[in-house]
């Protein structure tokens, strides 16, 4: 998934959260997202299988 793409968390404690991909770590299969809900731009690390792209 390319950086800047909008995604939604589908499982775990952050389920339902939407944000934009900030960084992708292909080796560890993790995505860092910047939450659109947080005014200070919090970043969260998630596994690939916990997110889906938003159309």
C-alpha atoms as a PDB file:
ATOM      1  CA  UNK A   1       0.000   0.000   0.000  1.00  0.00           C
ATOM      2  CA  UNK A   2       1.393   3.402  -0.911  1.00  0.00           C
ATOM      3  CA  UNK A   3       1.944   6.192   1.600  1.00  0.00           C
ATOM      4  CA  UNK A   4      -0.822   8.779   1.778  1.00  0.00           C
ATOM      5  CA  UNK A   5      -3.565   6.240   0.994  1.00  0.00           C
ATOM      6  CA  UNK A   6      -6.607   6.359   3.296  1.00  0.00           C
ATOM      7  CA  UNK A   7      -7.237   3.199   5.346  1.00  0.00           C
ATOM      8  CA  UNK A   8      -9.592   1.914   8.050  1.00  0.00           C
ATOM      9  CA  UNK A   9      -8.703  -0.347  10.995  1.00  0.00           C
ATOM     10  CA  UNK A  10     -10.873  -3.487  10.902  1.00  0.00           C
ATOM     11  CA  UNK A  11      -9.764  -5.356  14.045  1.00  0.00           C
ATOM     12  CA  UNK A  12      -8.270  -4.786  17.462  1.00  0.00           C
ATOM     13  CA  UNK A  13      -8.825  -1.986  19.979  1.00  0.00           C
ATOM     14  CA  UNK A  14      -8.590   0.713  17.277  1.00  0.00           C
ATOM     15  CA  UNK A  15     -11.282  -0.875  15.039  1.00  0.00           C
ATOM     16  CA  UNK A  16     -13.171   1.785  13.088  1.00  0.00           C
ATOM     17  CA  UNK A  17     -10.336   4.320  13.200  1.00  0.00           C
ATOM     18  CA  UNK A  18      -9.512   5.921   9.852  1.00  0.00           C
ATOM     19  CA  UNK A  19      -6.319   7.603   8.824  1.00  0.00           C
ATOM     20  CA  UNK A  20      -3.670   7.936   6.153  1.00  0.00           C
ATOM     21  CA  UNK A  21      -0.660   5.691   5.676  1.00  0.00           C
ATOM     22  CA  UNK A  22       2.393   7.521   6.977  1.00  0.00           C
ATOM     23  CA  UNK A  23       5.028   4.795   6.584  1.00  0.00           C
ATOM     24  CA  UNK A  24       5.183   1.145   5.439  1.00  0.00           C
ATOM     25  CA  UNK A  25       7.609  -1.413   6.879  1.00  0.00           C
ATOM     26  CA  UNK A  26       7.505  -4.313   4.409  1.00  0.00           C
ATOM     27  CA  UNK A  27      10.049  -6.371   6.341  1.00  0.00           C
ATOM     28  CA  UNK A  28       7.959  -6.406   9.547  1.00  0.00           C
ATOM     29  CA  UNK A  29       4.615  -6.251   7.649  1.00  0.00           C
ATOM     30  CA  UNK A  30       3.537  -3.167   9.573  1.00  0.00           C
ATOM     31  CA  UNK A  31       1.916   0.101   8.558  1.00  0.00           C
ATOM     32  CA  UNK A  32       2.236   3.367  10.465  1.00  0.00           C
ATOM     33  CA  UNK A  33      -0.875   5.504  10.126  1.00  0.00           C
ATOM     34  CA  UNK A  34      -1.551   9.109  11.059  1.00  0.00           C
ATOM     35  CA  UNK A  35      -4.967   9.329  12.683  1.00  0.00           C
ATOM     36  CA  UNK A  36      -7.416  11.844  11.251  1.00  0.00           C
ATOM     37  CA  UNK A  37      -9.184  11.993  14.641  1.00  0.00           C
ATOM     38  CA  UNK A  38      -6.215  13.287  16.589  1.00  0.00           C
ATOM     39  CA  UNK A  39      -5.451  17.004  16.216  1.00  0.00           C
ATOM     40  CA  UNK A  40      -1.779  16.488  17.138  1.00  0.00           C
ATOM     41  CA  UNK A  41      -1.261  13.854  14.426  1.00  0.00           C
ATOM     42  CA  UNK A  42      -0.711  10.734  16.553  1.00  0.00           C
ATOM     43  CA  UNK A  43       0.901   7.798  14.755  1.00  0.00           C
ATOM     44  CA  UNK A  44      -0.101   4.169  15.257  1.00  0.00           C
ATOM     45  CA  UNK A  45       1.699   1.007  14.108  1.00  0.00           C
ATOM     46  CA  UNK A  46      -0.576  -1.757  12.815  1.00  0.00           C
ATOM     47  CA  UNK A  47      -0.171  -5.098  11.033  1.00  0.00           C
ATOM     48  CA  UNK A  48      -1.254  -5.378   7.392  1.00  0.00           C
ATOM     49  CA  UNK A  49      -4.110  -7.750   8.255  1.00  0.00           C
ATOM     50  CA  UNK A  50      -5.682  -5.241  10.681  1.00  0.00           C
ATOM     51  CA  UNK A  51      -6.429  -2.615   8.025  1.00  0.00           C
ATOM     52  CA  UNK A  52      -8.317  -2.229   4.762  1.00  0.00           C
ATOM     53  CA  UNK A  53      -8.219   0.526   2.123  1.00  0.00           C
ATOM     54  CA  UNK A  54     -11.044   3.076   2.064  1.00  0.00           C
ATOM     55  CA  UNK A  55     -12.491   3.713  -1.377  1.00  0.00           C
END
